[in-house]
N, C-alpha and C. Protein backbone atom coordinates (compact mmCIF):
# COMPACT_ATOMS: atom_id res chain seq x y z
N ARG A 1 0.68 -1.05 0.16
CA ARG A 1 -0.03 -0.09 -0.05
C ARG A 1 0.89 1.13 0.21
N GLY A 2 0.71 2.29 -0.91
CA GLY A 2 1.32 3.55 -1.10
C GLY A 2 0.89 4.58 0.07
N LEU A 3 1.81 5.32 0.14
CA LEU A 3 1.03 6.66 1.28
C LEU A 3 0.04 7.28 0.86
N GLY A 4 -0.41 7.38 -0.49
CA GLY A 4 -1.66 7.85 -0.88
C GLY A 4 -3.08 7.20 -0.10
N ASP A 5 -2.75 5.64 -0.13
CA ASP A 5 -3.97 4.98 0.63
C ASP A 5 -3.87 5.49 2.28
N VAL A 6 -2.74 5.52 2.56
CA VAL A 6 -2.80 5.95 3.97
C VAL A 6 -3.37 7.08 4.26
N TYR A 7 -2.97 8.05 3.48
CA TYR A 7 -3.55 9.53 3.55
C TYR A 7 -5.01 9.56 3.46
N LYS A 8 -5.60 8.68 2.30
CA LYS A 8 -7.06 8.45 2.28
C LYS A 8 -7.67 8.20 3.29
N ARG A 9 -7.04 7.22 4.08
CA ARG A 9 -7.92 6.59 5.22
C ARG A 9 -7.86 7.45 6.47
N GLN A 10 -6.77 8.34 6.46
CA GLN A 10 -6.73 9.28 7.50
C GLN A 10 -7.83 10.50 7.29
N ILE A 11 -7.94 11.14 5.89
CA ILE A 11 -8.80 11.80 5.43
C ILE A 11 -10.32 11.30 6.04
N LEU A 12 -10.73 10.12 5.50
CA LEU A 12 -11.95 9.57 6.03
C LEU A 12 -12.19 9.82 7.28
N LYS A 13 -11.19 9.33 8.10
CA LYS A 13 -11.56 9.59 9.60
C LYS A 13 -11.61 11.09 10.24
N SER A 14 -11.22 11.88 9.43
CA SER A 14 -11.26 13.58 9.71
C SER A 14 -12.60 13.94 10.07
N THR A 15 -12.87 15.27 10.66
CA THR A 15 -13.91 15.77 11.09
C THR A 15 -14.23 16.70 9.46
N ASP A 16 -15.39 16.97 9.68
CA ASP A 16 -15.85 17.76 8.30
C ASP A 16 -14.89 19.20 8.24
N ALA A 17 -14.60 19.71 9.20
CA ALA A 17 -13.79 21.11 9.12
C ALA A 17 -12.35 20.69 8.67
N GLU A 18 -12.06 19.66 9.20
CA GLU A 18 -10.59 19.13 8.74
C GLU A 18 -10.43 19.00 7.39
N LYS A 19 -11.58 18.21 6.83
CA LYS A 19 -11.82 17.96 5.47
C LYS A 19 -11.93 18.94 4.47
N VAL A 20 -12.60 20.11 4.90
CA VAL A 20 -12.62 21.37 4.26
C VAL A 20 -11.62 21.66 4.22
N ASP A 21 -10.61 21.81 5.36
CA ASP A 21 -9.30 22.44 5.66
C ASP A 21 -8.43 21.93 4.44
N CYS A 22 -8.34 20.47 4.23
CA CYS A 22 -7.34 19.67 3.64
C CYS A 22 -7.84 19.89 1.96
N ALA A 23 -9.11 19.91 1.66
CA ALA A 23 -9.47 20.44 0.14
C ALA A 23 -9.02 21.64 -0.19
N VAL A 24 -9.13 22.61 0.71
CA VAL A 24 -8.74 24.04 0.32
C VAL A 24 -7.26 24.16 0.17
N HIS A 25 -6.76 23.53 1.17
CA HIS A 25 -5.40 23.56 0.99
C HIS A 25 -4.68 23.21 -0.56
N LEU A 26 -5.15 22.07 -1.02
CA LEU A 26 -5.03 21.60 -2.28
C LEU A 26 -5.59 22.26 -3.60
N LEU A 27 -6.27 23.54 -3.32
CA LEU A 27 -6.76 24.46 -4.30
C LEU A 27 -5.65 25.13 -4.95
N GLN A 28 -5.59 25.43 -6.31
CA GLN A 28 -4.30 26.34 -6.61
C GLN A 28 -5.13 27.18 -7.49
N GLY A 29 -4.30 28.40 -7.99
CA GLY A 29 -4.77 29.16 -9.00
C GLY A 29 -6.01 29.85 -8.87
N PRO A 30 -6.84 29.64 -9.82
CA PRO A 30 -8.15 30.32 -10.22
C PRO A 30 -9.26 29.38 -9.15
N ALA A 31 -8.94 28.45 -8.70
CA ALA A 31 -9.86 27.30 -7.72
C ALA A 31 -9.67 28.47 -6.24
N ALA A 32 -8.32 28.46 -5.91
CA ALA A 32 -8.13 29.27 -4.52
C ALA A 32 -8.72 30.50 -4.82
N ASP A 33 -8.46 31.38 -5.90
CA ASP A 33 -9.39 32.43 -5.64
C ASP A 33 -10.75 32.46 -5.59
N TRP A 34 -11.30 31.44 -6.38
CA TRP A 34 -12.54 31.20 -6.12
C TRP A 34 -13.00 31.13 -4.97
N TRP A 35 -12.52 30.27 -4.03
CA TRP A 35 -12.67 29.75 -2.82
C TRP A 35 -12.54 31.04 -1.64
N ALA A 36 -11.46 31.88 -1.85
CA ALA A 36 -11.43 33.21 -1.28
C ALA A 36 -12.48 33.86 -1.16
N VAL A 37 -12.78 34.17 -2.48
CA VAL A 37 -14.51 34.85 -2.63
C VAL A 37 -15.79 33.98 -1.94
N GLU A 38 -15.45 33.02 -2.27
CA GLU A 38 -16.70 32.36 -1.43
C GLU A 38 -16.62 32.43 0.10
N LEU A 39 -15.56 32.43 0.85
CA LEU A 39 -15.37 32.67 2.05
C LEU A 39 -15.76 33.82 2.60
N ILE A 40 -15.65 34.84 1.69
CA ILE A 40 -16.22 36.20 1.88
C ILE A 40 -17.62 36.54 1.99
N GLN A 41 -18.17 35.89 0.74
CA GLN A 41 -19.55 36.03 0.71
C GLN A 41 -20.19 35.03 1.99
N LYS A 42 -19.63 34.04 2.35
CA LYS A 42 -20.34 33.23 3.67
C LYS A 42 -20.07 34.10 4.82
N THR A 43 -21.28 34.36 5.53
CA THR A 43 -21.31 35.14 6.61
C THR A 43 -20.15 34.58 7.70
N ASP A 44 -20.59 33.48 7.99
CA ASP A 44 -19.95 32.70 9.23
C ASP A 44 -18.49 32.36 8.77
N GLY A 45 -18.06 32.05 7.79
CA GLY A 45 -16.91 31.97 7.23
C GLY A 45 -16.54 30.59 7.21
N LYS A 46 -17.47 29.66 7.54
CA LYS A 46 -17.39 27.99 7.73
C LYS A 46 -18.42 27.28 6.78
N HIS A 47 -17.71 26.37 6.39
CA HIS A 47 -18.80 25.25 5.65
C HIS A 47 -18.35 23.93 6.18
N THR A 48 -19.63 22.99 5.94
CA THR A 48 -19.16 21.74 6.67
C THR A 48 -19.02 21.05 5.18
N TRP A 49 -18.61 19.85 5.28
CA TRP A 49 -17.79 19.00 4.17
C TRP A 49 -18.97 18.97 2.86
N LYS A 50 -20.46 18.70 3.29
CA LYS A 50 -21.29 18.57 2.58
C LYS A 50 -21.55 19.95 1.64
N GLN A 51 -21.58 21.13 2.35
CA GLN A 51 -21.57 22.49 1.90
C GLN A 51 -20.53 22.92 0.79
N PHE A 52 -19.30 22.38 1.26
CA PHE A 52 -18.23 22.52 0.43
C PHE A 52 -18.16 21.69 -0.84
N LYS A 53 -18.49 20.54 -0.78
CA LYS A 53 -18.70 19.75 -1.92
C LYS A 53 -19.85 20.40 -2.80
N GLU A 54 -21.00 20.80 -2.39
CA GLU A 54 -22.00 21.28 -3.20
C GLU A 54 -21.53 22.41 -3.74
N VAL A 55 -20.94 23.68 -3.15
CA VAL A 55 -20.61 24.74 -3.91
C VAL A 55 -19.49 24.37 -4.73
N PHE A 56 -18.71 23.59 -4.47
CA PHE A 56 -17.48 23.34 -5.38
C PHE A 56 -18.07 22.51 -6.82
N HIS A 57 -18.87 21.51 -6.28
CA HIS A 57 -19.48 21.19 -7.70
C HIS A 57 -20.33 22.21 -8.57
N ALA A 58 -21.07 22.82 -7.96
CA ALA A 58 -22.24 23.63 -8.44
C ALA A 58 -21.31 24.85 -9.40
N HIS A 59 -20.15 25.07 -8.79
CA HIS A 59 -19.02 25.76 -9.64
C HIS A 59 -18.31 25.40 -10.70
N TYR A 60 -17.59 24.06 -10.29
CA TYR A 60 -16.92 23.56 -11.44
C TYR A 60 -17.21 22.54 -12.08
N PHE A 61 -18.74 21.95 -11.82
CA PHE A 61 -19.24 21.14 -12.88
C PHE A 61 -20.71 21.40 -13.01
N THR A 62 -20.74 21.97 -14.01
CA THR A 62 -22.12 22.81 -14.53
C THR A 62 -22.77 21.62 -15.23
N PRO A 63 -24.04 21.97 -15.48
CA PRO A 63 -24.98 21.01 -16.22
C PRO A 63 -24.21 20.88 -17.61
N THR A 64 -23.83 21.67 -18.16
CA THR A 64 -23.03 21.01 -19.60
C THR A 64 -22.11 20.48 -19.68
N GLN A 65 -20.99 20.74 -18.21
CA GLN A 65 -20.08 19.77 -18.22
C GLN A 65 -20.37 18.26 -17.85
N LYS A 66 -21.64 18.25 -16.89
CA LYS A 66 -22.20 16.88 -16.52
C LYS A 66 -22.38 16.44 -17.72
N LYS A 67 -23.17 17.02 -18.32
CA LYS A 67 -23.77 16.05 -19.85
C LYS A 67 -22.56 15.72 -20.72
N ALA A 68 -21.67 16.37 -20.74
CA ALA A 68 -20.60 16.04 -21.58
C ALA A 68 -19.77 15.29 -20.94
N TYR A 69 -19.89 14.90 -19.51
CA TYR A 69 -19.21 13.62 -18.90
C TYR A 69 -20.20 12.31 -19.07
N VAL A 70 -21.58 12.63 -19.28
CA VAL A 70 -22.39 11.42 -19.49
C VAL A 70 -22.20 10.98 -20.77
N MET A 71 -22.27 11.85 -21.96
CA MET A 71 -21.98 11.40 -23.15
C MET A 71 -20.55 10.64 -23.46
N GLN A 72 -19.39 11.27 -22.84
CA GLN A 72 -18.25 10.51 -22.74
C GLN A 72 -18.37 9.11 -22.41
N PHE A 73 -18.90 9.06 -21.25
CA PHE A 73 -18.92 7.73 -20.53
C PHE A 73 -20.03 6.82 -20.97
N MET A 74 -20.94 7.23 -21.72
CA MET A 74 -21.77 6.54 -22.48
C MET A 74 -21.22 5.92 -24.12
N ASN A 75 -20.41 6.87 -24.44
CA ASN A 75 -19.54 6.50 -25.98
C ASN A 75 -18.29 5.97 -25.61
N LEU A 76 -17.97 5.68 -24.39
CA LEU A 76 -16.76 4.97 -23.91
C LEU A 76 -16.62 3.41 -24.56
N ARG A 77 -15.59 3.53 -25.33
CA ARG A 77 -15.16 1.91 -26.10
C ARG A 77 -13.49 1.77 -25.95
N GLN A 78 -13.44 0.68 -25.96
CA GLN A 78 -11.72 0.63 -25.85
C GLN A 78 -11.06 1.05 -26.88
N ALA A 79 -11.82 0.58 -28.22
CA ALA A 79 -11.05 1.08 -29.52
C ALA A 79 -9.58 0.31 -29.48
N ARG A 80 -8.73 1.33 -29.74
CA ARG A 80 -7.20 1.09 -29.90
C ARG A 80 -6.49 1.05 -28.44
N GLN A 81 -7.25 1.05 -27.50
CA GLN A 81 -6.65 1.27 -26.24
C GLN A 81 -6.25 -0.17 -25.63
N THR A 82 -5.26 -0.05 -24.71
CA THR A 82 -5.19 -1.46 -24.13
C THR A 82 -6.46 -2.01 -23.18
N VAL A 83 -6.49 -2.75 -22.58
CA VAL A 83 -7.59 -2.95 -21.49
C VAL A 83 -7.13 -2.01 -20.20
N THR A 84 -5.65 -1.96 -20.05
CA THR A 84 -5.60 -1.04 -18.79
C THR A 84 -5.76 0.31 -19.07
N GLU A 85 -5.58 0.90 -20.34
CA GLU A 85 -5.90 2.27 -20.62
C GLU A 85 -7.38 2.54 -20.57
N TYR A 86 -8.30 1.51 -21.10
CA TYR A 86 -9.48 1.59 -20.97
C TYR A 86 -10.26 1.54 -19.72
N GLU A 87 -9.66 0.50 -19.01
CA GLU A 87 -9.89 0.56 -17.79
C GLU A 87 -9.80 2.14 -17.01
N ALA A 88 -8.93 2.44 -16.86
CA ALA A 88 -8.34 3.73 -16.35
C ALA A 88 -9.31 4.81 -16.68
N GLU A 89 -9.54 4.83 -17.88
CA GLU A 89 -10.53 5.99 -18.44
C GLU A 89 -11.96 5.69 -18.09
N PHE A 90 -12.33 4.50 -18.08
CA PHE A 90 -13.70 4.10 -17.55
C PHE A 90 -13.70 4.40 -15.96
N SER A 91 -12.80 4.26 -15.13
CA SER A 91 -12.84 4.62 -13.64
C SER A 91 -12.68 6.11 -13.71
N ARG A 92 -12.03 7.00 -14.42
CA ARG A 92 -11.92 8.20 -14.29
C ARG A 92 -13.57 8.79 -14.52
N LEU A 93 -14.26 8.69 -15.66
CA LEU A 93 -15.60 8.70 -15.90
C LEU A 93 -16.72 8.40 -15.01
N SER A 94 -16.23 7.12 -14.57
CA SER A 94 -17.42 6.52 -13.47
C SER A 94 -17.53 7.40 -12.24
N ARG A 95 -16.48 8.07 -12.08
CA ARG A 95 -16.81 9.05 -10.56
C ARG A 95 -17.75 9.92 -10.75
N PHE A 96 -18.22 10.32 -11.99
CA PHE A 96 -19.11 11.38 -12.35
C PHE A 96 -20.24 10.67 -12.86
N MET A 97 -20.56 9.37 -12.65
CA MET A 97 -21.67 8.58 -13.08
C MET A 97 -21.88 7.80 -12.25
N PRO A 98 -22.25 7.97 -10.90
CA PRO A 98 -22.56 7.00 -10.09
C PRO A 98 -23.94 6.47 -10.21
N GLN A 99 -24.66 7.04 -11.10
CA GLN A 99 -26.26 6.22 -11.26
C GLN A 99 -25.87 5.00 -12.12
N PHE A 100 -24.56 4.92 -12.98
CA PHE A 100 -24.74 3.77 -13.86
C PHE A 100 -23.79 2.92 -12.87
N THR A 101 -23.01 3.42 -11.97
CA THR A 101 -21.94 2.39 -11.57
C THR A 101 -21.95 2.34 -10.21
N THR A 102 -23.02 2.46 -9.45
CA THR A 102 -22.97 2.08 -7.96
C THR A 102 -23.14 0.45 -7.73
N GLU A 103 -23.90 0.09 -8.39
CA GLU A 103 -23.95 -1.62 -8.45
C GLU A 103 -22.73 -1.98 -9.04
N ASP A 104 -22.25 -3.12 -8.44
CA ASP A 104 -20.78 -3.88 -8.84
C ASP A 104 -21.31 -4.50 -10.35
N LYS A 105 -22.30 -5.30 -10.59
CA LYS A 105 -22.81 -5.83 -11.58
C LYS A 105 -23.11 -4.99 -12.74
N ASP A 106 -23.70 -3.73 -12.58
CA ASP A 106 -24.08 -2.81 -13.44
C ASP A 106 -22.80 -2.27 -14.14
N ARG A 107 -21.68 -1.93 -13.09
CA ARG A 107 -20.41 -1.44 -13.62
C ARG A 107 -19.68 -2.61 -14.30
N ALA A 108 -19.85 -3.67 -13.97
CA ALA A 108 -19.14 -4.89 -14.75
C ALA A 108 -19.85 -4.72 -16.12
N GLU A 109 -21.06 -4.68 -16.17
CA GLU A 109 -21.80 -5.10 -17.62
C GLU A 109 -21.45 -3.78 -18.46
N ARG A 110 -21.30 -2.58 -17.89
CA ARG A 110 -20.99 -1.44 -18.75
C ARG A 110 -19.40 -1.59 -19.29
N PHE A 111 -18.84 -1.87 -18.39
CA PHE A 111 -17.48 -2.02 -18.75
C PHE A 111 -17.49 -3.21 -19.88
N LEU A 112 -17.88 -4.19 -19.79
CA LEU A 112 -17.97 -5.27 -20.70
C LEU A 112 -18.38 -4.75 -22.04
N ASP A 113 -19.40 -3.99 -22.12
CA ASP A 113 -20.33 -3.55 -23.45
C ASP A 113 -19.21 -2.65 -24.03
N GLY A 114 -18.28 -2.01 -23.33
CA GLY A 114 -17.17 -1.09 -24.24
C GLY A 114 -15.76 -1.72 -24.69
N LEU A 115 -15.85 -3.04 -23.95
CA LEU A 115 -14.46 -3.73 -24.69
C LEU A 115 -14.38 -3.88 -26.20
N HIS A 116 -13.18 -4.11 -26.69
CA HIS A 116 -13.23 -4.75 -28.16
C HIS A 116 -13.94 -5.85 -28.11
N VAL A 117 -14.42 -6.28 -29.35
CA VAL A 117 -15.44 -7.44 -29.53
C VAL A 117 -14.70 -8.48 -29.24
N SER A 118 -13.57 -8.61 -29.80
CA SER A 118 -12.79 -10.11 -29.58
C SER A 118 -12.60 -10.18 -28.30
N ILE A 119 -12.41 -9.19 -27.42
CA ILE A 119 -12.23 -9.59 -25.84
C ILE A 119 -13.51 -9.73 -25.30
N MET A 120 -14.41 -8.74 -25.75
CA MET A 120 -16.07 -8.98 -25.12
C MET A 120 -16.30 -10.32 -24.94
N LYS A 121 -16.61 -10.70 -26.36
CA LYS A 121 -17.11 -12.33 -26.52
C LYS A 121 -16.49 -13.34 -25.29
N LEU A 122 -15.10 -13.26 -25.25
CA LEU A 122 -14.35 -14.41 -24.55
C LEU A 122 -14.67 -13.83 -23.25
N VAL A 123 -14.70 -12.71 -22.71
CA VAL A 123 -14.87 -12.30 -21.29
C VAL A 123 -16.46 -12.81 -21.13
N ALA A 124 -17.33 -12.61 -21.89
CA ALA A 124 -18.74 -12.72 -21.88
C ALA A 124 -19.10 -14.22 -21.39
N THR A 125 -18.14 -15.25 -22.03
CA THR A 125 -18.38 -16.80 -21.90
C THR A 125 -17.89 -17.24 -20.50
N MET A 126 -16.99 -16.43 -19.96
CA MET A 126 -16.46 -16.77 -18.65
C MET A 126 -17.40 -16.27 -17.50
N ASN A 127 -18.47 -15.69 -17.77
CA ASN A 127 -19.30 -15.40 -16.58
C ASN A 127 -18.79 -14.89 -15.30
N PRO A 128 -18.12 -13.53 -15.45
CA PRO A 128 -17.61 -12.71 -14.43
C PRO A 128 -18.60 -12.45 -13.62
N THR A 129 -18.68 -12.47 -12.07
CA THR A 129 -19.67 -11.95 -11.28
C THR A 129 -19.14 -10.63 -10.76
N THR A 130 -18.18 -10.22 -11.09
CA THR A 130 -17.90 -8.83 -10.47
C THR A 130 -17.21 -8.27 -11.40
N TYR A 131 -17.04 -6.76 -11.15
CA TYR A 131 -16.36 -5.75 -11.78
C TYR A 131 -14.55 -6.03 -11.87
N ALA A 132 -14.21 -6.38 -10.38
CA ALA A 132 -13.00 -6.87 -10.68
C ALA A 132 -12.58 -8.27 -11.42
N GLU A 133 -13.38 -9.09 -11.43
CA GLU A 133 -13.45 -10.41 -12.11
C GLU A 133 -13.26 -9.78 -13.72
N THR A 134 -14.42 -9.26 -13.95
CA THR A 134 -14.60 -8.81 -15.36
C THR A 134 -13.20 -8.02 -15.87
N VAL A 135 -12.67 -7.21 -15.35
CA VAL A 135 -11.41 -6.57 -15.42
C VAL A 135 -10.06 -7.70 -15.87
N ALA A 136 -10.25 -8.49 -14.66
CA ALA A 136 -9.08 -9.39 -14.84
C ALA A 136 -9.24 -10.24 -15.88
N CYS A 137 -10.36 -10.64 -16.06
CA CYS A 137 -10.59 -11.69 -17.21
C CYS A 137 -9.98 -10.89 -18.61
N ALA A 138 -10.57 -9.84 -18.85
CA ALA A 138 -10.18 -8.93 -19.90
C ALA A 138 -8.42 -8.84 -20.34
N LEU A 139 -8.15 -8.62 -19.03
CA LEU A 139 -6.55 -8.34 -18.94
C LEU A 139 -5.87 -9.85 -19.49
N ARG A 140 -6.38 -10.80 -18.99
CA ARG A 140 -6.07 -12.35 -19.05
C ARG A 140 -5.81 -12.45 -20.82
N ILE A 141 -7.20 -11.97 -21.35
CA ILE A 141 -7.54 -12.48 -22.88
C ILE A 141 -6.51 -11.69 -23.60
N GLU A 142 -6.83 -10.26 -23.14
CA GLU A 142 -5.77 -9.42 -24.04
C GLU A 142 -4.06 -9.92 -24.06
N ALA A 143 -3.75 -10.58 -22.92
CA ALA A 143 -2.51 -11.03 -22.90
C ALA A 143 -2.15 -12.06 -23.76
N ILE A 144 -3.21 -13.01 -23.69
CA ILE A 144 -3.37 -14.32 -24.54
C ILE A 144 -3.02 -13.79 -26.07
N GLU A 145 -4.25 -12.72 -26.38
CA GLU A 145 -4.16 -12.15 -27.77
C GLU A 145 -2.86 -11.68 -28.36
N ASN A 146 -2.27 -11.04 -27.17
CA ASN A 146 -0.77 -10.56 -27.54
C ASN A 146 0.39 -11.49 -27.91
N ILE A 147 0.13 -12.61 -26.92
CA ILE A 147 1.03 -13.58 -27.12
C ILE A 147 1.05 -14.47 -28.73
N GLU A 148 -0.48 -14.54 -28.88
CA GLU A 148 -0.67 -15.12 -30.23
C GLU A 148 -0.02 -14.58 -31.39
N LYS A 149 -0.58 -13.25 -31.04
CA LYS A 149 -0.02 -11.79 -32.29
C LYS A 149 1.70 -12.08 -32.39
N ARG A 150 2.23 -12.09 -31.22
CA ARG A 150 3.65 -12.30 -31.44
C ARG A 150 4.16 -13.42 -32.11
N SER A 151 3.35 -14.35 -31.65
CA SER A 151 3.89 -15.73 -32.15
C SER A 151 3.69 -15.78 -33.86
N ALA A 152 2.53 -15.37 -34.38
CA ALA A 152 2.34 -15.07 -35.52
C ALA A 152 3.18 -14.24 -36.33
N ASP A 153 3.69 -13.14 -35.69
CA ASP A 153 4.30 -12.19 -36.30
C ASP A 153 5.74 -13.04 -36.48
N ARG A 154 6.46 -13.60 -35.29
CA ARG A 154 7.87 -14.36 -35.30
C ARG A 154 7.43 -15.55 -36.68
N LYS A 155 6.41 -16.18 -36.71
CA LYS A 155 6.05 -17.02 -38.06
C LYS A 155 6.52 -16.62 -39.23
N ARG A 156 5.63 -15.20 -39.52
CA ARG A 156 5.68 -14.92 -40.49
C ARG A 156 7.28 -14.14 -40.89
N ASP A 157 7.88 -13.77 -39.75
CA ASP A 157 9.14 -13.14 -39.99
C ASP A 157 10.19 -14.44 -40.63
N ARG A 158 9.98 -15.28 -40.11
CA ARG A 158 10.70 -16.73 -40.14
C ARG A 158 10.62 -17.19 -41.61
N THR A 159 9.28 -17.13 -42.04
CA THR A 159 8.87 -17.34 -43.59
C THR A 159 9.47 -16.37 -44.53
N ASP A 160 9.45 -15.20 -44.21
CA ASP A 160 10.07 -14.13 -44.87
C ASP A 160 11.75 -14.30 -45.16
N GLN A 161 12.35 -14.83 -43.95
CA GLN A 161 13.47 -14.83 -44.19
C GLN A 161 14.16 -16.18 -44.68
N MET A 162 13.09 -17.20 -45.02
CA MET A 162 13.58 -18.25 -45.81
C MET A 162 13.06 -18.16 -46.89
N GLY A 163 12.74 -17.06 -47.51
CA GLY A 163 12.57 -16.94 -48.93
C GLY A 163 10.85 -17.15 -49.26
N GLY A 164 9.91 -16.80 -48.19
CA GLY A 164 8.60 -16.89 -48.46
C GLY A 164 8.11 -16.48 -49.60
N PHE A 165 6.85 -16.34 -50.15
CA PHE A 165 6.47 -15.78 -51.22
C PHE A 165 5.31 -14.88 -50.74
N VAL A 166 5.51 -13.78 -51.57
CA VAL A 166 4.47 -12.71 -51.02
C VAL A 166 3.34 -12.90 -51.29
N LYS A 167 2.17 -12.81 -50.38
CA LYS A 167 0.87 -13.21 -50.54
C LYS A 167 0.13 -12.31 -51.61
N LYS A 168 0.62 -10.99 -51.72
CA LYS A 168 -0.12 -10.36 -52.68
C LYS A 168 0.85 -10.20 -53.94
N PRO A 169 0.11 -9.96 -55.24
CA PRO A 169 1.12 -9.94 -56.53
C PRO A 169 2.10 -8.85 -56.59
N PHE A 170 3.38 -9.30 -56.86
CA PHE A 170 4.37 -8.29 -57.06
C PHE A 170 4.70 -8.39 -58.26
N PHE A 171 4.74 -6.92 -59.10
CA PHE A 171 4.67 -6.96 -60.55
C PHE A 171 5.78 -6.29 -60.90
N ARG A 172 6.30 -6.94 -61.84
CA ARG A 172 7.70 -5.79 -62.34
C ARG A 172 7.04 -4.74 -62.99
N THR A 173 8.06 -3.82 -63.41
CA THR A 173 7.54 -2.34 -64.32
C THR A 173 7.13 -3.16 -65.62
N GLY A 174 6.04 -2.72 -65.91
CA GLY A 174 5.56 -2.72 -67.15
C GLY A 174 4.48 -4.11 -67.37
N GLN A 175 4.57 -5.00 -66.04
CA GLN A 175 3.77 -6.17 -66.08
C GLN A 175 2.50 -5.92 -65.04
N GLY A 176 2.00 -5.05 -65.08
CA GLY A 176 0.60 -4.92 -64.29
C GLY A 176 -0.45 -5.92 -64.91
N ALA A 177 -1.60 -6.14 -64.13
CA ALA A 177 -2.50 -6.90 -64.47
C ALA A 177 -3.36 -6.54 -65.72
N GLY A 178 -3.32 -7.20 -66.65
CA GLY A 178 -3.90 -6.63 -67.81
C GLY A 178 -3.14 -5.90 -68.91
N SER A 179 -1.70 -5.72 -68.25
CA SER A 179 -1.04 -4.71 -69.62
C SER A 179 -0.58 -5.95 -70.56
N SER A 180 -0.40 -7.03 -70.31
CA SER A 180 0.17 -7.93 -71.45
C SER A 180 -0.97 -9.10 -71.60
N GLY A 181 -1.97 -8.80 -70.89
CA GLY A 181 -2.95 -9.86 -71.28
C GLY A 181 -2.74 -11.19 -70.41
N SER A 182 -1.60 -11.45 -70.02
CA SER A 182 -1.02 -12.59 -69.17
C SER A 182 -1.26 -12.38 -67.79
N ALA A 183 -1.39 -13.42 -66.85
CA ALA A 183 -1.64 -13.50 -65.41
C ALA A 183 -0.34 -12.99 -64.66
N PRO A 184 -0.44 -12.27 -63.68
CA PRO A 184 0.82 -11.59 -63.14
C PRO A 184 1.69 -12.90 -62.55
N LYS A 185 2.97 -12.70 -62.47
CA LYS A 185 4.01 -13.75 -61.94
C LYS A 185 3.85 -13.48 -60.55
N LEU A 186 4.09 -14.43 -59.45
CA LEU A 186 4.54 -14.07 -58.42
C LEU A 186 6.24 -14.45 -58.16
N TYR A 187 6.58 -13.66 -57.34
CA TYR A 187 7.98 -13.50 -57.13
C TYR A 187 8.28 -13.63 -55.60
N PRO A 188 9.54 -14.40 -55.49
CA PRO A 188 9.87 -14.52 -53.81
C PRO A 188 9.99 -13.27 -53.17
N LYS A 189 9.53 -13.09 -52.00
CA LYS A 189 9.77 -11.83 -51.13
C LYS A 189 11.26 -11.55 -50.77
N ASN A 190 11.96 -12.67 -50.73
CA ASN A 190 13.75 -12.42 -50.48
C ASN A 190 14.48 -11.65 -51.79
N PRO A 191 14.92 -10.37 -51.43
CA PRO A 191 15.50 -9.96 -52.75
C PRO A 191 16.64 -10.78 -53.37
N ARG A 192 17.27 -11.53 -52.86
CA ARG A 192 18.21 -12.45 -53.54
C ARG A 192 17.77 -13.07 -54.77
N PHE A 193 16.12 -13.68 -54.75
CA PHE A 193 15.55 -14.48 -55.79
C PHE A 193 14.95 -13.27 -56.76
N ILE A 194 14.76 -11.92 -56.71
CA ILE A 194 14.64 -11.29 -57.70
C ILE A 194 15.39 -10.80 -58.60
């Protein structure tokens, strides 16, 4: 466990006033300036933790921004990301979407829906019951796919080194398909045979 975990546990044990003080201490630049004005406007100068979160979110997470986060979350797909990268983005956006991710099963299903199809199909057959299991299955399948891809790449490289033939037609200048009426000739990929 890192120092961050210890710090988080300590914060959770803090009083409301200590939580507000800690959060205010972390504010920088325009956020710190905003808070100074907020304190001036507050007559007693004190906020509970709940009040702090409400005014902070009201100021920094406008309805337009919330809607943008909803759209990002709903459209989130793994695409070309690794499972680790996709999971990090999923977790980041999940913080703004508690209505979709408070139940572990719902979170797991939403994560599964965004995975690359080749990984999603295999994870679904494994029937994971929790979010953590879903992520672990996806990571295992991705690792296996990467091993298979490297193996296929090595096999292709060995074939190429041994004078394997090009899978697509290779035409010499002036011998395109249909230029002489005859079928194109396949030539070995290894330059020593050309």
